[in-house]
């Protein structure tokens, strides 16, 4: 099998994941798109490892070792990412990234006074 087939498939997977990261508003779908991008990288690592092992007989299979490392990092990333998304969903009631960005803490002094007044009205 030629190296071009897995490389093209990997680039299509990576572009699909990149589109998902840039276009999606739901945090869980963004995490799934990041996983898709990492899987595209894993496919490339294994394909190039197999391609290079055909040329040299004494190889360490470093592409496959890096793939296992990437899978472990991806599992940790999705676990921590889902925990953060669930904590934000419980605190704010939404996992929409645009709404979370709009409800960020104020940066200027005018916004801080408005927010303090709104908090006083909400507690009264």
C-alpha atoms as a PDB file:
ATOM      1  CA  UNK A   1       0.000   0.000   0.000  1.00  0.00           C
ATOM      2  CA  UNK A   2       1.271   3.446  -0.899  1.00  0.00           C
ATOM      3  CA  UNK A   3       1.956   6.090   1.718  1.00  0.00           C
ATOM      4  CA  UNK A   4      -0.392   8.483  -0.062  1.00  0.00           C
ATOM      5  CA  UNK A   5      -3.587   6.667   0.971  1.00  0.00           C
ATOM      6  CA  UNK A   6      -3.192   6.965   4.741  1.00  0.00           C
ATOM      7  CA  UNK A   7      -1.730  10.462   4.347  1.00  0.00           C
ATOM      8  CA  UNK A   8      -4.777  11.655   2.402  1.00  0.00           C
ATOM      9  CA  UNK A   9      -7.151   9.978   4.852  1.00  0.00           C
ATOM     10  CA  UNK A  10      -5.263  11.541   7.750  1.00  0.00           C
ATOM     11  CA  UNK A  11      -5.414  14.996   6.198  1.00  0.00           C
ATOM     12  CA  UNK A  12      -9.162  14.627   5.610  1.00  0.00           C
ATOM     13  CA  UNK A  13      -9.680  13.541   9.226  1.00  0.00           C
ATOM     14  CA  UNK A  14      -7.553  16.423  10.483  1.00  0.00           C
ATOM     15  CA  UNK A  15      -9.418  18.977   8.351  1.00  0.00           C
ATOM     16  CA  UNK A  16     -12.758  17.597   9.565  1.00  0.00           C
ATOM     17  CA  UNK A  17     -11.582  17.923  13.161  1.00  0.00           C
ATOM     18  CA  UNK A  18     -10.285  21.438  12.539  1.00  0.00           C
ATOM     19  CA  UNK A  19     -13.622  22.445  11.056  1.00  0.00           C
ATOM     20  CA  UNK A  20     -15.361  20.981  14.101  1.00  0.00           C
ATOM     21  CA  UNK A  21     -13.153  22.952  16.484  1.00  0.00           C
ATOM     22  CA  UNK A  22     -13.684  26.220  14.616  1.00  0.00           C
ATOM     23  CA  UNK A  23     -17.384  25.898  13.780  1.00  0.00           C
ATOM     24  CA  UNK A  24     -18.976  24.130  16.751  1.00  0.00           C
ATOM     25  CA  UNK A  25     -20.454  25.940  19.709  1.00  0.00           C
ATOM     26  CA  UNK A  26     -20.925  23.000  22.070  1.00  0.00           C
ATOM     27  CA  UNK A  27     -17.906  22.256  24.250  1.00  0.00           C
ATOM     28  CA  UNK A  28     -18.379  18.484  24.061  1.00  0.00           C
ATOM     29  CA  UNK A  29     -18.397  18.560  20.258  1.00  0.00           C
ATOM     30  CA  UNK A  30     -15.217  20.650  20.324  1.00  0.00           C
ATOM     31  CA  UNK A  31     -13.570  17.989  22.503  1.00  0.00           C
ATOM     32  CA  UNK A  32     -14.697  15.295  20.061  1.00  0.00           C
ATOM     33  CA  UNK A  33     -13.196  17.287  17.197  1.00  0.00           C
ATOM     34  CA  UNK A  34      -9.884  17.553  19.051  1.00  0.00           C
ATOM     35  CA  UNK A  35      -9.940  13.772  19.484  1.00  0.00           C
ATOM     36  CA  UNK A  36     -10.517  13.404  15.743  1.00  0.00           C
ATOM     37  CA  UNK A  37      -7.484  15.580  15.068  1.00  0.00           C
ATOM     38  CA  UNK A  38      -5.347  13.514  17.443  1.00  0.00           C
ATOM     39  CA  UNK A  39      -6.468  10.319  15.718  1.00  0.00           C
ATOM     40  CA  UNK A  40      -5.421  11.795  12.380  1.00  0.00           C
ATOM     41  CA  UNK A  41      -1.973  12.434  13.829  1.00  0.00           C
ATOM     42  CA  UNK A  42      -1.868   8.854  15.138  1.00  0.00           C
ATOM     43  CA  UNK A  43      -2.701   7.521  11.696  1.00  0.00           C
ATOM     44  CA  UNK A  44       0.119   9.557  10.203  1.00  0.00           C
ATOM     45  CA  UNK A  45       2.587   8.360  12.840  1.00  0.00           C
ATOM     46  CA  UNK A  46       1.794   4.695  12.230  1.00  0.00           C
ATOM     47  CA  UNK A  47       1.759   5.073   8.435  1.00  0.00           C
ATOM     48  CA  UNK A  48       5.160   6.751   8.365  1.00  0.00           C
ATOM     49  CA  UNK A  49       6.535   4.216  10.837  1.00  0.00           C
ATOM     50  CA  UNK A  50       5.483   1.347   8.570  1.00  0.00           C
ATOM     51  CA  UNK A  51       6.825   3.165   5.520  1.00  0.00           C
ATOM     52  CA  UNK A  52      10.192   3.815   7.158  1.00  0.00           C
ATOM     53  CA  UNK A  53      10.445   0.266   8.521  1.00  0.00           C
ATOM     54  CA  UNK A  54      10.349  -1.060   4.958  1.00  0.00           C
ATOM     55  CA  UNK A  55      13.501   0.865   4.104  1.00  0.00           C
ATOM     56  CA  UNK A  56      15.496   0.050   7.257  1.00  0.00           C
ATOM     57  CA  UNK A  57      15.460  -3.384   8.843  1.00  0.00           C
ATOM     58  CA  UNK A  58      16.593  -2.280  12.296  1.00  0.00           C
ATOM     59  CA  UNK A  59      13.905   0.091  13.494  1.00  0.00           C
ATOM     60  CA  UNK A  60      12.659   0.956  16.930  1.00  0.00           C
ATOM     61  CA  UNK A  61       9.056   1.531  15.800  1.00  0.00           C
ATOM     62  CA  UNK A  62       9.169   4.999  17.276  1.00  0.00           C
ATOM     63  CA  UNK A  63       6.020   6.030  15.394  1.00  0.00           C
ATOM     64  CA  UNK A  64       4.012   3.341  17.130  1.00  0.00           C
ATOM     65  CA  UNK A  65       5.500   4.276  20.500  1.00  0.00           C
ATOM     66  CA  UNK A  66       4.584   7.918  19.942  1.00  0.00           C
ATOM     67  CA  UNK A  67       1.084   6.801  18.962  1.00  0.00           C
ATOM     68  CA  UNK A  68       0.661   4.988  22.281  1.00  0.00           C
ATOM     69  CA  UNK A  69       1.886   8.107  24.083  1.00  0.00           C
ATOM     70  CA  UNK A  70      -0.583  10.264  22.121  1.00  0.00           C
ATOM     71  CA  UNK A  71      -3.442   7.894  22.961  1.00  0.00           C
ATOM     72  CA  UNK A  72      -2.590   8.143  26.656  1.00  0.00           C
ATOM     73  CA  UNK A  73      -2.450  11.938  26.480  1.00  0.00           C
ATOM     74  CA  UNK A  74      -5.761  12.021  24.584  1.00  0.00           C
ATOM     75  CA  UNK A  75      -7.440   9.839  27.217  1.00  0.00           C
ATOM     76  CA  UNK A  76      -6.246  12.141  29.995  1.00  0.00           C
ATOM     77  CA  UNK A  77      -7.294  15.201  28.012  1.00  0.00           C
ATOM     78  CA  UNK A  78     -10.809  13.937  27.402  1.00  0.00           C
ATOM     79  CA  UNK A  79     -11.221  12.931  31.040  1.00  0.00           C
ATOM     80  CA  UNK A  80     -10.145  16.312  32.373  1.00  0.00           C
ATOM     81  CA  UNK A  81     -11.976  18.153  29.609  1.00  0.00           C
ATOM     82  CA  UNK A  82     -15.275  16.397  30.313  1.00  0.00           C
ATOM     83  CA  UNK A  83     -14.870  17.074  34.038  1.00  0.00           C
ATOM     84  CA  UNK A  84     -14.384  20.788  33.329  1.00  0.00           C
ATOM     85  CA  UNK A  85     -17.337  20.883  30.929  1.00  0.00           C
ATOM     86  CA  UNK A  86     -19.604  19.174  33.482  1.00  0.00           C
ATOM     87  CA  UNK A  87     -18.496  21.567  36.235  1.00  0.00           C
ATOM     88  CA  UNK A  88     -19.158  24.579  33.992  1.00  0.00           C
ATOM     89  CA  UNK A  89     -22.534  23.148  32.947  1.00  0.00           C
ATOM     90  CA  UNK A  90     -23.551  22.691  36.580  1.00  0.00           C
ATOM     91  CA  UNK A  91     -22.414  26.194  37.509  1.00  0.00           C
ATOM     92  CA  UNK A  92     -23.753  28.132  34.512  1.00  0.00           C
ATOM     93  CA  UNK A  93     -26.441  25.870  33.056  1.00  0.00           C
ATOM     94  CA  UNK A  94     -25.027  25.742  29.524  1.00  0.00           C
ATOM     95  CA  UNK A  95     -22.112  24.282  27.640  1.00  0.00           C
ATOM     96  CA  UNK A  96     -22.395  26.722  24.730  1.00  0.00           C
ATOM     97  CA  UNK A  97     -18.964  28.288  24.219  1.00  0.00           C
ATOM     98  CA  UNK A  98     -20.303  31.639  22.965  1.00  0.00           C
ATOM     99  CA  UNK A  99     -22.585  32.066  25.977  1.00  0.00           C
ATOM    100  CA  UNK A 100     -19.747  31.173  28.316  1.00  0.00           C
ATOM    101  CA  UNK A 101     -17.526  33.759  26.665  1.00  0.00           C
ATOM    102  CA  UNK A 102     -20.241  36.438  27.039  1.00  0.00           C
ATOM    103  CA  UNK A 103     -20.695  35.720  30.742  1.00  0.00           C
ATOM    104  CA  UNK A 104     -17.001  36.107  31.572  1.00  0.00           C
ATOM    105  CA  UNK A 105     -15.814  38.201  34.475  1.00  0.00           C
ATOM    106  CA  UNK A 106     -15.658  41.977  33.844  1.00  0.00           C
ATOM    107  CA  UNK A 107     -12.336  43.538  32.910  1.00  0.00           C
ATOM    108  CA  UNK A 108     -12.869  47.275  33.323  1.00  0.00           C
ATOM    109  CA  UNK A 109     -13.975  49.393  36.313  1.00  0.00           C
ATOM    110  CA  UNK A 110     -17.254  50.469  34.627  1.00  0.00           C
ATOM    111  CA  UNK A 111     -18.228  46.860  34.013  1.00  0.00           C
ATOM    112  CA  UNK A 112     -17.360  45.962  37.604  1.00  0.00           C
ATOM    113  CA  UNK A 113     -19.784  48.569  39.030  1.00  0.00           C
ATOM    114  CA  UNK A 114     -22.570  47.480  36.720  1.00  0.00           C
ATOM    115  CA  UNK A 115     -22.011  43.881  37.669  1.00  0.00           C
ATOM    116  CA  UNK A 116     -21.963  44.751  41.381  1.00  0.00           C
ATOM    117  CA  UNK A 117     -25.258  46.656  41.003  1.00  0.00           C
ATOM    118  CA  UNK A 118     -26.798  43.742  39.148  1.00  0.00           C
ATOM    119  CA  UNK A 119     -25.645  41.370  41.879  1.00  0.00           C
ATOM    120  CA  UNK A 120     -27.193  43.618  44.541  1.00  0.00           C
ATOM    121  CA  UNK A 121     -30.488  43.682  42.661  1.00  0.00           C
ATOM    122  CA  UNK A 122     -30.429  39.924  42.218  1.00  0.00           C
ATOM    123  CA  UNK A 123     -29.936  39.300  45.934  1.00  0.00           C
ATOM    124  CA  UNK A 124     -32.621  41.828  46.977  1.00  0.00           C
END
